[in-house]
Amino acid sequence: MTWKKKVPMLMWLTAGVICAFACGCSSPEDKAHELYETALFEEKQFNYEHAKDLYFKILSEYSETETAQKADQGLKRLELKKEQAKIVYEHIIKTKPMTQEAADAQEALKQLELAE
């Protein structure tokens, strides 16, 4: 086989090895951290349900990692936000009955309760 034929084969082999290393050699901590970063992003975008799902996934699949502790804190943070929202909605309903704002708060409160 001439060198002109060997070079493309070596390039493909090298690319395959690099791909296999990049895709298959992530540690559980790396995978958990990636999910955690995504959960934080979702939380910042107010997509709390998806953030919650990701935190639970970290806890169930990567419980042995340090990131699992952060995921647990993330779940607690989401629960606190939920409790704070309930307090605000209840206050609006109580102090501004018969307004559109109270109706919106009532609907939001109903959605929070359904999500439990």
PDB file of N, CA and C in Angstrom:
ATOM      1  N   MET A   1       0.850  -1.170   0.000  1.00  0.00           N
ATOM      2  CA  MET A   1       0.000   0.000   0.000  1.00  0.00           C
ATOM      3  C   MET A   1       0.899   1.237   0.000  1.00  0.00           C
ATOM      4  N   THR A   2       0.585   2.175  -0.832  1.00  0.00           N
ATOM      5  CA  THR A   2       1.406   3.375  -0.931  1.00  0.00           C
ATOM      6  C   THR A   2       1.051   4.348   0.182  1.00  0.00           C
ATOM      7  N   TRP A   3       1.919   5.295   0.416  1.00  0.00           N
ATOM      8  CA  TRP A   3       1.699   6.282   1.478  1.00  0.00           C
ATOM      9  C   TRP A   3       0.469   7.144   1.201  1.00  0.00           C
ATOM     10  N   LYS A   4       0.137   7.333  -0.092  1.00  0.00           N
ATOM     11  CA  LYS A   4      -1.044   8.128  -0.444  1.00  0.00           C
ATOM     12  C   LYS A   4      -2.326   7.434   0.009  1.00  0.00           C
ATOM     13  N   LYS A   5      -2.316   6.132   0.059  1.00  0.00           N
ATOM     14  CA  LYS A   5      -3.491   5.400   0.518  1.00  0.00           C
ATOM     15  C   LYS A   5      -3.497   5.262   2.031  1.00  0.00           C
ATOM     16  N   LYS A   6      -2.335   5.252   2.651  1.00  0.00           N
ATOM     17  CA  LYS A   6      -2.233   5.091   4.093  1.00  0.00           C
ATOM     18  C   LYS A   6      -2.657   6.360   4.833  1.00  0.00           C
ATOM     19  N   VAL A   7      -2.355   7.524   4.297  1.00  0.00           N
ATOM     20  CA  VAL A   7      -2.658   8.783   4.980  1.00  0.00           C
ATOM     21  C   VAL A   7      -4.162   8.949   5.235  1.00  0.00           C
ATOM     22  N   PRO A   8      -5.030   8.775   4.232  1.00  0.00           N
ATOM     23  CA  PRO A   8      -6.466   8.903   4.526  1.00  0.00           C
ATOM     24  C   PRO A   8      -6.954   7.879   5.553  1.00  0.00           C
ATOM     25  N   MET A   9      -6.422   6.654   5.488  1.00  0.00           N
ATOM     26  CA  MET A   9      -6.824   5.634   6.454  1.00  0.00           C
ATOM     27  C   MET A   9      -6.400   6.042   7.860  1.00  0.00           C
ATOM     28  N   LEU A  10      -5.202   6.581   7.993  1.00  0.00           N
ATOM     29  CA  LEU A  10      -4.724   7.026   9.299  1.00  0.00           C
ATOM     30  C   LEU A  10      -5.553   8.202   9.815  1.00  0.00           C
ATOM     31  N   MET A  11      -5.949   9.089   8.918  1.00  0.00           N
ATOM     32  CA  MET A  11      -6.770  10.230   9.315  1.00  0.00           C
ATOM     33  C   MET A  11      -8.120   9.748   9.853  1.00  0.00           C
ATOM     34  N   TRP A  12      -8.751   8.792   9.146  1.00  0.00           N
ATOM     35  CA  TRP A  12     -10.031   8.268   9.598  1.00  0.00           C
ATOM     36  C   TRP A  12      -9.884   7.525  10.918  1.00  0.00           C
ATOM     37  N   LEU A  13      -8.818   6.762  11.064  1.00  0.00           N
ATOM     38  CA  LEU A  13      -8.574   6.031  12.295  1.00  0.00           C
ATOM     39  C   LEU A  13      -8.377   6.997  13.456  1.00  0.00           C
ATOM     40  N   THR A  14      -7.604   8.039  13.233  1.00  0.00           N
ATOM     41  CA  THR A  14      -7.362   9.048  14.261  1.00  0.00           C
ATOM     42  C   THR A  14      -8.666   9.753  14.636  1.00  0.00           C
ATOM     43  N   ALA A  15      -9.445  10.116  13.651  1.00  0.00           N
ATOM     44  CA  ALA A  15     -10.725  10.776  13.911  1.00  0.00           C
ATOM     45  C   ALA A  15     -11.649   9.867  14.713  1.00  0.00           C
ATOM     46  N   GLY A  16     -11.655   8.589  14.391  1.00  0.00           N
ATOM     47  CA  GLY A  16     -12.488   7.629  15.116  1.00  0.00           C
ATOM     48  C   GLY A  16     -12.066   7.488  16.564  1.00  0.00           C
ATOM     49  N   VAL A  17     -10.768   7.444  16.799  1.00  0.00           N
ATOM     50  CA  VAL A  17     -10.253   7.323  18.168  1.00  0.00           C
ATOM     51  C   VAL A  17     -10.608   8.574  18.967  1.00  0.00           C
ATOM     52  N   ILE A  18     -10.450   9.735  18.368  1.00  0.00           N
ATOM     53  CA  ILE A  18     -10.783  10.991  19.047  1.00  0.00           C
ATOM     54  C   ILE A  18     -12.272  11.036  19.369  1.00  0.00           C
ATOM     55  N   CYS A  19     -13.096  10.641  18.420  1.00  0.00           N
ATOM     56  CA  CYS A  19     -14.555  10.619  18.629  1.00  0.00           C
ATOM     57  C   CYS A  19     -14.917   9.669  19.763  1.00  0.00           C
ATOM     58  N   ALA A  20     -14.351   8.488  19.747  1.00  0.00           N
ATOM     59  CA  ALA A  20     -14.658   7.498  20.775  1.00  0.00           C
ATOM     60  C   ALA A  20     -14.237   8.008  22.145  1.00  0.00           C
ATOM     61  N   PHE A  21     -13.098   8.665  22.217  1.00  0.00           N
ATOM     62  CA  PHE A  21     -12.622   9.198  23.485  1.00  0.00           C
ATOM     63  C   PHE A  21     -13.534  10.313  23.972  1.00  0.00           C
ATOM     64  N   ALA A  22     -13.898  11.214  23.083  1.00  0.00           N
ATOM     65  CA  ALA A  22     -14.727  12.361  23.460  1.00  0.00           C
ATOM     66  C   ALA A  22     -16.125  11.926  23.872  1.00  0.00           C
ATOM     67  N   CYS A  23     -16.673  10.932  23.230  1.00  0.00           N
ATOM     68  CA  CYS A  23     -18.051  10.519  23.504  1.00  0.00           C
ATOM     69  C   CYS A  23     -18.162   9.533  24.659  1.00  0.00           C
ATOM     70  N   GLY A  24     -17.177   8.688  24.817  1.00  0.00           N
ATOM     71  CA  GLY A  24     -17.347   7.599  25.760  1.00  0.00           C
ATOM     72  C   GLY A  24     -16.554   7.680  27.041  1.00  0.00           C
ATOM     73  N   CYS A  25     -15.757   8.690  27.211  1.00  0.00           N
ATOM     74  CA  CYS A  25     -14.875   8.713  28.371  1.00  0.00           C
ATOM     75  C   CYS A  25     -15.256   9.773  29.390  1.00  0.00           C
ATOM     76  N   SER A  26     -16.457  10.276  29.340  1.00  0.00           N
ATOM     77  CA  SER A  26     -16.887  11.245  30.331  1.00  0.00           C
ATOM     78  C   SER A  26     -17.118  10.528  31.650  1.00  0.00           C
ATOM     79  N   SER A  27     -16.673  11.136  32.710  1.00  0.00           N
ATOM     80  CA  SER A  27     -16.874  10.546  34.033  1.00  0.00           C
ATOM     81  C   SER A  27     -18.298  10.815  34.499  1.00  0.00           C
ATOM     82  N   PRO A  28     -18.763  10.054  35.473  1.00  0.00           N
ATOM     83  CA  PRO A  28     -20.090  10.334  36.024  1.00  0.00           C
ATOM     84  C   PRO A  28     -20.196  11.768  36.557  1.00  0.00           C
ATOM     85  N   GLU A  29     -19.123  12.254  37.144  1.00  0.00           N
ATOM     86  CA  GLU A  29     -19.127  13.639  37.649  1.00  0.00           C
ATOM     87  C   GLU A  29     -19.293  14.629  36.508  1.00  0.00           C
ATOM     88  N   ASP A  30     -18.619  14.380  35.388  1.00  0.00           N
ATOM     89  CA  ASP A  30     -18.756  15.267  34.227  1.00  0.00           C
ATOM     90  C   ASP A  30     -20.186  15.263  33.689  1.00  0.00           C
ATOM     91  N   LYS A  31     -20.769  14.080  33.596  1.00  0.00           N
ATOM     92  CA  LYS A  31     -22.132  13.975  33.090  1.00  0.00           C
ATOM     93  C   LYS A  31     -23.114  14.660  34.037  1.00  0.00           C
ATOM     94  N   ALA A  32     -22.930  14.445  35.338  1.00  0.00           N
ATOM     95  CA  ALA A  32     -23.801  15.077  36.333  1.00  0.00           C
ATOM     96  C   ALA A  32     -23.657  16.591  36.284  1.00  0.00           C
ATOM     97  N   HIS A  33     -22.429  17.059  36.131  1.00  0.00           N
ATOM     98  CA  HIS A  33     -22.191  18.503  36.070  1.00  0.00           C
ATOM     99  C   HIS A  33     -22.860  19.121  34.841  1.00  0.00           C
ATOM    100  N   GLU A  34     -22.798  18.426  33.725  1.00  0.00           N
ATOM    101  CA  GLU A  34     -23.441  18.922  32.502  1.00  0.00           C
ATOM    102  C   GLU A  34     -24.961  19.038  32.699  1.00  0.00           C
ATOM    103  N   LEU A  35     -25.549  18.021  33.320  1.00  0.00           N
ATOM    104  CA  LEU A  35     -26.987  18.074  33.606  1.00  0.00           C
ATOM    105  C   LEU A  35     -27.305  19.204  34.582  1.00  0.00           C
ATOM    106  N   TYR A  36     -26.433  19.394  35.558  1.00  0.00           N
ATOM    107  CA  TYR A  36     -26.642  20.449  36.556  1.00  0.00           C
ATOM    108  C   TYR A  36     -26.612  21.830  35.910  1.00  0.00           C
ATOM    109  N   GLU A  37     -25.662  22.041  35.025  1.00  0.00           N
ATOM    110  CA  GLU A  37     -25.577  23.325  34.326  1.00  0.00           C
ATOM    111  C   GLU A  37     -26.839  23.566  33.497  1.00  0.00           C
ATOM    112  N   THR A  38     -27.350  22.519  32.871  1.00  0.00           N
ATOM    113  CA  THR A  38     -28.589  22.641  32.104  1.00  0.00           C
ATOM    114  C   THR A  38     -29.757  22.956  33.031  1.00  0.00           C
ATOM    115  N   ALA A  39     -29.807  22.303  34.182  1.00  0.00           N
ATOM    116  CA  ALA A  39     -30.881  22.561  35.150  1.00  0.00           C
ATOM    117  C   ALA A  39     -30.845  24.009  35.631  1.00  0.00           C
ATOM    118  N   LEU A  40     -29.652  24.524  35.900  1.00  0.00           N
ATOM    119  CA  LEU A  40     -29.528  25.927  36.314  1.00  0.00           C
ATOM    120  C   LEU A  40     -30.035  26.865  35.225  1.00  0.00           C
ATOM    121  N   PHE A  41     -29.691  26.556  33.994  1.00  0.00           N
ATOM    122  CA  PHE A  41     -30.155  27.375  32.875  1.00  0.00           C
ATOM    123  C   PHE A  41     -31.683  27.345  32.804  1.00  0.00           C
ATOM    124  N   GLU A  42     -32.259  26.150  32.928  1.00  0.00           N
ATOM    125  CA  GLU A  42     -33.716  26.021  32.889  1.00  0.00           C
ATOM    126  C   GLU A  42     -34.365  26.786  34.032  1.00  0.00           C
ATOM    127  N   GLU A  43     -33.741  26.743  35.183  1.00  0.00           N
ATOM    128  CA  GLU A  43     -34.267  27.468  36.344  1.00  0.00           C
ATOM    129  C   GLU A  43     -34.250  28.979  36.083  1.00  0.00           C
ATOM    130  N   LYS A  44     -33.186  29.461  35.501  1.00  0.00           N
ATOM    131  CA  LYS A  44     -33.085  30.894  35.187  1.00  0.00           C
ATOM    132  C   LYS A  44     -34.090  31.311  34.124  1.00  0.00           C
ATOM    133  N   GLN A  45     -34.521  30.364  33.296  1.00  0.00           N
ATOM    134  CA  GLN A  45     -35.513  30.641  32.258  1.00  0.00           C
ATOM    135  C   GLN A  45     -36.938  30.413  32.775  1.00  0.00           C
ATOM    136  N   PHE A  46     -37.077  30.181  34.079  1.00  0.00           N
ATOM    137  CA  PHE A  46     -38.361  29.936  34.736  1.00  0.00           C
ATOM    138  C   PHE A  46     -39.027  28.643  34.273  1.00  0.00           C
ATOM    139  N   ASN A  47     -38.236  27.736  33.747  1.00  0.00           N
ATOM    140  CA  ASN A  47     -38.750  26.422  33.348  1.00  0.00           C
ATOM    141  C   ASN A  47     -38.467  25.461  34.507  1.00  0.00           C
ATOM    142  N   TYR A  48     -39.216  25.672  35.588  1.00  0.00           N
ATOM    143  CA  TYR A  48     -38.947  24.964  36.834  1.00  0.00           C
ATOM    144  C   TYR A  48     -39.199  23.461  36.750  1.00  0.00           C
ATOM    145  N   GLU A  49     -40.202  23.059  36.006  1.00  0.00           N
ATOM    146  CA  GLU A  49     -40.493  21.626  35.909  1.00  0.00           C
ATOM    147  C   GLU A  49     -39.340  20.864  35.247  1.00  0.00           C
ATOM    148  N   HIS A  50     -38.774  21.431  34.177  1.00  0.00           N
ATOM    149  CA  HIS A  50     -37.653  20.757  33.520  1.00  0.00           C
ATOM    150  C   HIS A  50     -36.424  20.764  34.425  1.00  0.00           C
ATOM    151  N   ALA A  51     -36.192  21.878  35.118  1.00  0.00           N
ATOM    152  CA  ALA A  51     -35.073  21.945  36.062  1.00  0.00           C
ATOM    153  C   ALA A  51     -35.239  20.870  37.134  1.00  0.00           C
ATOM    154  N   LYS A  52     -36.446  20.755  37.652  1.00  0.00           N
ATOM    155  CA  LYS A  52     -36.736  19.752  38.680  1.00  0.00           C
ATOM    156  C   LYS A  52     -36.466  18.342  38.157  1.00  0.00           C
ATOM    157  N   ASP A  53     -36.902  18.048  36.939  1.00  0.00           N
ATOM    158  CA  ASP A  53     -36.655  16.739  36.330  1.00  0.00           C
ATOM    159  C   ASP A  53     -35.165  16.448  36.216  1.00  0.00           C
ATOM    160  N   LEU A  54     -34.401  17.467  35.817  1.00  0.00           N
ATOM    161  CA  LEU A  54     -32.952  17.277  35.672  1.00  0.00           C
ATOM    162  C   LEU A  54     -32.282  17.054  37.026  1.00  0.00           C
ATOM    163  N   TYR A  55     -32.715  17.804  38.042  1.00  0.00           N
ATOM    164  CA  TYR A  55     -32.156  17.593  39.392  1.00  0.00           C
ATOM    165  C   TYR A  55     -32.456  16.174  39.878  1.00  0.00           C
ATOM    166  N   PHE A  56     -33.679  15.704  39.644  1.00  0.00           N
ATOM    167  CA  PHE A  56     -34.023  14.337  40.038  1.00  0.00           C
ATOM    168  C   PHE A  56     -33.193  13.310  39.267  1.00  0.00           C
ATOM    169  N   LYS A  57     -32.955  13.571  37.999  1.00  0.00           N
ATOM    170  CA  LYS A  57     -32.143  12.653  37.192  1.00  0.00           C
ATOM    171  C   LYS A  57     -30.723  12.549  37.758  1.00  0.00           C
ATOM    172  N   ILE A  58     -30.163  13.692  38.134  1.00  0.00           N
ATOM    173  CA  ILE A  58     -28.820  13.687  38.734  1.00  0.00           C
ATOM    174  C   ILE A  58     -28.827  12.859  40.013  1.00  0.00           C
ATOM    175  N   LEU A  59     -29.839  13.072  40.851  1.00  0.00           N
ATOM    176  CA  LEU A  59     -29.902  12.345  42.121  1.00  0.00           C
ATOM    177  C   LEU A  59     -30.096  10.848  41.924  1.00  0.00           C
ATOM    178  N   SER A  60     -30.839  10.466  40.905  1.00  0.00           N
ATOM    179  CA  SER A  60     -31.089   9.040  40.707  1.00  0.00           C
ATOM    180  C   SER A  60     -29.962   8.334  39.958  1.00  0.00           C
ATOM    181  N   GLU A  61     -29.366   9.008  38.975  1.00  0.00           N
ATOM    182  CA  GLU A  61     -28.357   8.344  38.150  1.00  0.00           C
ATOM    183  C   GLU A  61     -26.910   8.616  38.574  1.00  0.00           C
ATOM    184  N   TYR A  62     -26.698   9.713  39.297  1.00  0.00           N
ATOM    185  CA  TYR A  62     -25.327  10.089  39.667  1.00  0.00           C
ATOM    186  C   TYR A  62     -25.255  10.446  41.147  1.00  0.00           C
ATOM    187  N   SER A  63     -25.925   9.666  41.975  1.00  0.00           N
ATOM    188  CA  SER A  63     -26.027   9.977  43.403  1.00  0.00           C
ATOM    189  C   SER A  63     -24.674   9.984  44.119  1.00  0.00           C
ATOM    190  N   GLU A  64     -23.701   9.310  43.548  1.00  0.00           N
ATOM    191  CA  GLU A  64     -22.385   9.215  44.198  1.00  0.00           C
ATOM    192  C   GLU A  64     -21.488  10.423  43.913  1.00  0.00           C
ATOM    193  N   THR A  65     -21.959  11.348  43.096  1.00  0.00           N
ATOM    194  CA  THR A  65     -21.124  12.489  42.713  1.00  0.00           C
ATOM    195  C   THR A  65     -21.319  13.670  43.658  1.00  0.00           C
ATOM    196  N   GLU A  66     -20.349  14.570  43.627  1.00  0.00           N
ATOM    197  CA  GLU A  66     -20.467  15.809  44.395  1.00  0.00           C
ATOM    198  C   GLU A  66     -21.592  16.679  43.841  1.00  0.00           C
ATOM    199  N   THR A  67     -21.808  16.589  42.555  1.00  0.00           N
ATOM    200  CA  THR A  67     -22.856  17.383  41.919  1.00  0.00           C
ATOM    201  C   THR A  67     -24.238  16.985  42.428  1.00  0.00           C
ATOM    202  N   ALA A  68     -24.399  15.766  42.886  1.00  0.00           N
ATOM    203  CA  ALA A  68     -25.686  15.328  43.429  1.00  0.00           C
ATOM    204  C   ALA A  68     -26.084  16.181  44.637  1.00  0.00           C
ATOM    205  N   GLN A  69     -25.101  16.583  45.431  1.00  0.00           N
ATOM    206  CA  GLN A  69     -25.395  17.464  46.572  1.00  0.00           C
ATOM    207  C   GLN A  69     -25.922  18.815  46.086  1.00  0.00           C
ATOM    208  N   LYS A  70     -25.349  19.320  45.012  1.00  0.00           N
ATOM    209  CA  LYS A  70     -25.821  20.577  44.444  1.00  0.00           C
ATOM    210  C   LYS A  70     -27.228  20.415  43.876  1.00  0.00           C
ATOM    211  N   ALA A  71     -27.496  19.263  43.276  1.00  0.00           N
ATOM    212  CA  ALA A  71     -28.829  19.000  42.725  1.00  0.00           C
ATOM    213  C   ALA A  71     -29.862  18.974  43.849  1.00  0.00           C
ATOM    214  N   ASP A  72     -29.498  18.398  44.970  1.00  0.00           N
ATOM    215  CA  ASP A  72     -30.400  18.370  46.115  1.00  0.00           C
ATOM    216  C   ASP A  72     -30.692  19.795  46.589  1.00  0.00           C
ATOM    217  N   GLN A  73     -29.678  20.630  46.617  1.00  0.00           N
ATOM    218  CA  GLN A  73     -29.874  22.039  46.981  1.00  0.00           C
ATOM    219  C   GLN A  73     -30.760  22.742  45.952  1.00  0.00           C
ATOM    220  N   GLY A  74     -30.598  22.379  44.688  1.00  0.00           N
ATOM    221  CA  GLY A  74     -31.430  22.958  43.638  1.00  0.00           C
ATOM    222  C   GLY A  74     -32.896  22.619  43.842  1.00  0.00           C
ATOM    223  N   LEU A  75     -33.170  21.373  44.206  1.00  0.00           N
ATOM    224  CA  LEU A  75     -34.556  20.973  44.478  1.00  0.00           C
ATOM    225  C   LEU A  75     -35.128  21.742  45.662  1.00  0.00           C
ATOM    226  N   LYS A  76     -34.329  21.918  46.695  1.00  0.00           N
ATOM    227  CA  LYS A  76     -34.782  22.680  47.866  1.00  0.00           C
ATOM    228  C   LYS A  76     -35.049  24.136  47.490  1.00  0.00           C
ATOM    229  N   ARG A  77     -34.207  24.678  46.634  1.00  0.00           N
ATOM    230  CA  ARG A  77     -34.375  26.063  46.174  1.00  0.00           C
ATOM    231  C   ARG A  77     -35.683  26.205  45.387  1.00  0.00           C
ATOM    232  N   LEU A  78     -35.963  25.233  44.524  1.00  0.00           N
ATOM    233  CA  LEU A  78     -37.211  25.266  43.756  1.00  0.00           C
ATOM    234  C   LEU A  78     -38.429  25.163  44.672  1.00  0.00           C
ATOM    235  N   GLU A  79     -38.345  24.330  45.669  1.00  0.00           N
ATOM    236  CA  GLU A  79     -39.458  24.189  46.615  1.00  0.00           C
ATOM    237  C   GLU A  79     -39.679  25.501  47.372  1.00  0.00           C
ATOM    238  N   LEU A  80     -38.611  26.164  47.749  1.00  0.00           N
ATOM    239  CA  LEU A  80     -38.731  27.453  48.442  1.00  0.00           C
ATOM    240  C   LEU A  80     -39.379  28.493  47.526  1.00  0.00           C
ATOM    241  N   LYS A  81     -38.973  28.524  46.268  1.00  0.00           N
ATOM    242  CA  LYS A  81     -39.584  29.458  45.310  1.00  0.00           C
ATOM    243  C   LYS A  81     -41.076  29.188  45.172  1.00  0.00           C
ATOM    244  N   LYS A  82     -41.439  27.926  45.169  1.00  0.00           N
ATOM    245  CA  LYS A  82     -42.835  27.542  45.042  1.00  0.00           C
ATOM    246  C   LYS A  82     -43.625  28.028  46.258  1.00  0.00           C
ATOM    247  N   GLU A  83     -43.078  27.837  47.443  1.00  0.00           N
ATOM    248  CA  GLU A  83     -43.748  28.277  48.672  1.00  0.00           C
ATOM    249  C   GLU A  83     -43.886  29.794  48.705  1.00  0.00           C
ATOM    250  N   GLN A  84     -42.838  30.491  48.257  1.00  0.00           N
ATOM    251  CA  GLN A  84     -42.906  31.952  48.207  1.00  0.00           C
ATOM    252  C   GLN A  84     -43.972  32.420  47.221  1.00  0.00           C
ATOM    253  N   ALA A  85     -44.065  31.759  46.088  1.00  0.00           N
ATOM    254  CA  ALA A  85     -45.076  32.119  45.089  1.00  0.00           C
ATOM    255  C   ALA A  85     -46.475  31.918  45.658  1.00  0.00           C
ATOM    256  N   LYS A  86     -46.685  30.814  46.386  1.00  0.00           N
ATOM    257  CA  LYS A  86     -47.989  30.568  47.003  1.00  0.00           C
ATOM    258  C   LYS A  86     -48.374  31.711  47.944  1.00  0.00           C
ATOM    259  N   ILE A  87     -47.426  32.150  48.744  1.00  0.00           N
ATOM    260  CA  ILE A  87     -47.685  33.233  49.697  1.00  0.00           C
ATOM    261  C   ILE A  87     -48.082  34.509  48.955  1.00  0.00           C
ATOM    262  N   VAL A  88     -47.358  34.822  47.900  1.00  0.00           N
ATOM    263  CA  VAL A  88     -47.660  36.024  47.119  1.00  0.00           C
ATOM    264  C   VAL A  88     -49.035  35.916  46.476  1.00  0.00           C
ATOM    265  N   TYR A  89     -49.329  34.781  45.861  1.00  0.00           N
ATOM    266  CA  TYR A  89     -50.632  34.600  45.207  1.00  0.00           C
ATOM    267  C   TYR A  89     -51.770  34.699  46.218  1.00  0.00           C
ATOM    268  N   GLU A  90     -51.615  34.069  47.361  1.00  0.00           N
ATOM    269  CA  GLU A  90     -52.655  34.124  48.389  1.00  0.00           C
ATOM    270  C   GLU A  90     -52.863  35.550  48.894  1.00  0.00           C
ATOM    271  N   HIS A  91     -51.779  36.290  49.003  1.00  0.00           N
ATOM    272  CA  HIS A  91     -51.871  37.687  49.436  1.00  0.00           C
ATOM    273  C   HIS A  91     -52.641  38.518  48.408  1.00  0.00           C
ATOM    274  N   ILE A  92     -52.361  38.323  47.153  1.00  0.00           N
ATOM    275  CA  ILE A  92     -53.069  39.059  46.092  1.00  0.00           C
ATOM    276  C   ILE A  92     -54.555  38.722  46.114  1.00  0.00           C
ATOM    277  N   ILE A  93     -54.866  37.442  46.252  1.00  0.00           N
ATOM    278  CA  ILE A  93     -56.264  37.021  46.284  1.00  0.00           C
ATOM    279  C   ILE A  93     -56.999  37.651  47.467  1.00  0.00           C
ATOM    280  N   LYS A  94     -56.319  37.712  48.599  1.00  0.00           N
ATOM    281  CA  LYS A  94     -56.931  38.252  49.814  1.00  0.00           C
ATOM    282  C   LYS A  94     -57.082  39.773  49.763  1.00  0.00           C
ATOM    283  N   THR A  95     -56.065  40.453  49.264  1.00  0.00           N
ATOM    284  CA  THR A  95     -56.079  41.920  49.320  1.00  0.00           C
ATOM    285  C   THR A  95     -56.723  42.586  48.118  1.00  0.00           C
ATOM    286  N   LYS A  96     -56.856  41.859  47.010  1.00  0.00           N
ATOM    287  CA  LYS A  96     -57.435  42.451  45.801  1.00  0.00           C
ATOM    288  C   LYS A  96     -58.507  41.553  45.202  1.00  0.00           C
ATOM    289  N   PRO A  97     -59.501  41.193  46.017  1.00  0.00           N
ATOM    290  CA  PRO A  97     -60.540  40.318  45.467  1.00  0.00           C
ATOM    291  C   PRO A  97     -61.308  41.047  44.369  1.00  0.00           C
ATOM    292  N   MET A  98     -61.910  40.294  43.520  1.00  0.00           N
ATOM    293  CA  MET A  98     -62.744  40.845  42.456  1.00  0.00           C
ATOM    294  C   MET A  98     -61.950  41.643  41.412  1.00  0.00           C
ATOM    295  N   THR A  99     -60.652  41.359  41.295  1.00  0.00           N
ATOM    296  CA  THR A  99     -59.846  42.009  40.260  1.00  0.00           C
ATOM    297  C   THR A  99     -59.294  40.947  39.321  1.00  0.00           C
ATOM    298  N   GLN A 100     -58.849  41.402  38.167  1.00  0.00           N
ATOM    299  CA  GLN A 100     -58.222  40.470  37.219  1.00  0.00           C
ATOM    300  C   GLN A 100     -56.929  39.910  37.810  1.00  0.00           C
ATOM    301  N   GLU A 101     -56.234  40.726  38.560  1.00  0.00           N
ATOM    302  CA  GLU A 101     -54.992  40.281  39.198  1.00  0.00           C
ATOM    303  C   GLU A 101     -55.274  39.123  40.161  1.00  0.00           C
ATOM    304  N   ALA A 102     -56.361  39.211  40.911  1.00  0.00           N
ATOM    305  CA  ALA A 102     -56.737  38.137  41.832  1.00  0.00           C
ATOM    306  C   ALA A 102     -57.133  36.880  41.055  1.00  0.00           C
ATOM    307  N   ALA A 103     -57.847  37.067  39.948  1.00  0.00           N
ATOM    308  CA  ALA A 103     -58.228  35.918  39.120  1.00  0.00           C
ATOM    309  C   ALA A 103     -56.981  35.230  38.550  1.00  0.00           C
ATOM    310  N   ASP A 104     -56.020  36.039  38.094  1.00  0.00           N
ATOM    311  CA  ASP A 104     -54.763  35.476  37.579  1.00  0.00           C
ATOM    312  C   ASP A 104     -54.001  34.741  38.686  1.00  0.00           C
ATOM    313  N   ALA A 105     -53.985  35.325  39.877  1.00  0.00           N
ATOM    314  CA  ALA A 105     -53.299  34.702  41.015  1.00  0.00           C
ATOM    315  C   ALA A 105     -53.984  33.390  41.386  1.00  0.00           C
ATOM    316  N   GLN A 106     -55.315  33.387  41.327  1.00  0.00           N
ATOM    317  CA  GLN A 106     -56.065  32.167  41.628  1.00  0.00           C
ATOM    318  C   GLN A 106     -55.706  31.057  40.642  1.00  0.00           C
ATOM    319  N   GLU A 107     -55.622  31.401  39.379  1.00  0.00           N
ATOM    320  CA  GLU A 107     -55.261  30.427  38.348  1.00  0.00           C
ATOM    321  C   GLU A 107     -53.820  29.927  38.546  1.00  0.00           C
ATOM    322  N   ALA A 108     -52.912  30.831  38.852  1.00  0.00           N
ATOM    323  CA  ALA A 108     -51.515  30.452  39.080  1.00  0.00           C
ATOM    324  C   ALA A 108     -51.403  29.540  40.287  1.00  0.00           C
ATOM    325  N   LEU A 109     -52.148  29.854  41.342  1.00  0.00           N
ATOM    326  CA  LEU A 109     -52.150  29.026  42.542  1.00  0.00           C
ATOM    327  C   LEU A 109     -52.699  27.625  42.236  1.00  0.00           C
ATOM    328  N   LYS A 110     -53.726  27.568  41.440  1.00  0.00           N
ATOM    329  CA  LYS A 110     -54.305  26.287  41.027  1.00  0.00           C
ATOM    330  C   LYS A 110     -53.272  25.460  40.260  1.00  0.00           C
ATOM    331  N   GLN A 111     -52.523  26.103  39.374  1.00  0.00           N
ATOM    332  CA  GLN A 111     -51.495  25.398  38.597  1.00  0.00           C
ATOM    333  C   GLN A 111     -50.385  24.865  39.508  1.00  0.00           C
ATOM    334  N   LEU A 112     -50.016  25.654  40.512  1.00  0.00           N
ATOM    335  CA  LEU A 112     -48.994  25.182  41.472  1.00  0.00           C
ATOM    336  C   LEU A 112     -49.475  23.949  42.228  1.00  0.00           C
ATOM    337  N   GLU A 113     -50.724  23.972  42.605  1.00  0.00           N
ATOM    338  CA  GLU A 113     -51.261  22.841  43.355  1.00  0.00           C
ATOM    339  C   GLU A 113     -51.370  21.592  42.480  1.00  0.00           C
ATOM    340  N   LEU A 114     -51.677  21.777  41.210  1.00  0.00           N
ATOM    341  CA  LEU A 114     -51.749  20.643  40.284  1.00  0.00           C
ATOM    342  C   LEU A 114     -50.377  20.021  40.051  1.00  0.00           C
ATOM    343  N   ALA A 115     -49.348  20.843  40.130  1.00  0.00           N
ATOM    344  CA  ALA A 115     -47.986  20.361  39.879  1.00  0.00           C
ATOM    345  C   ALA A 115     -47.426  19.546  41.034  1.00  0.00           C
ATOM    346  N   GLU A 116     -48.103  19.560  42.161  1.00  0.00           N
ATOM    347  CA  GLU A 116     -47.586  18.824  43.336  1.00  0.00           C
ATOM    348  C   GLU A 116     -47.741  17.343  43.196  1.00  0.00           C
TER     349      GLU A 116
END
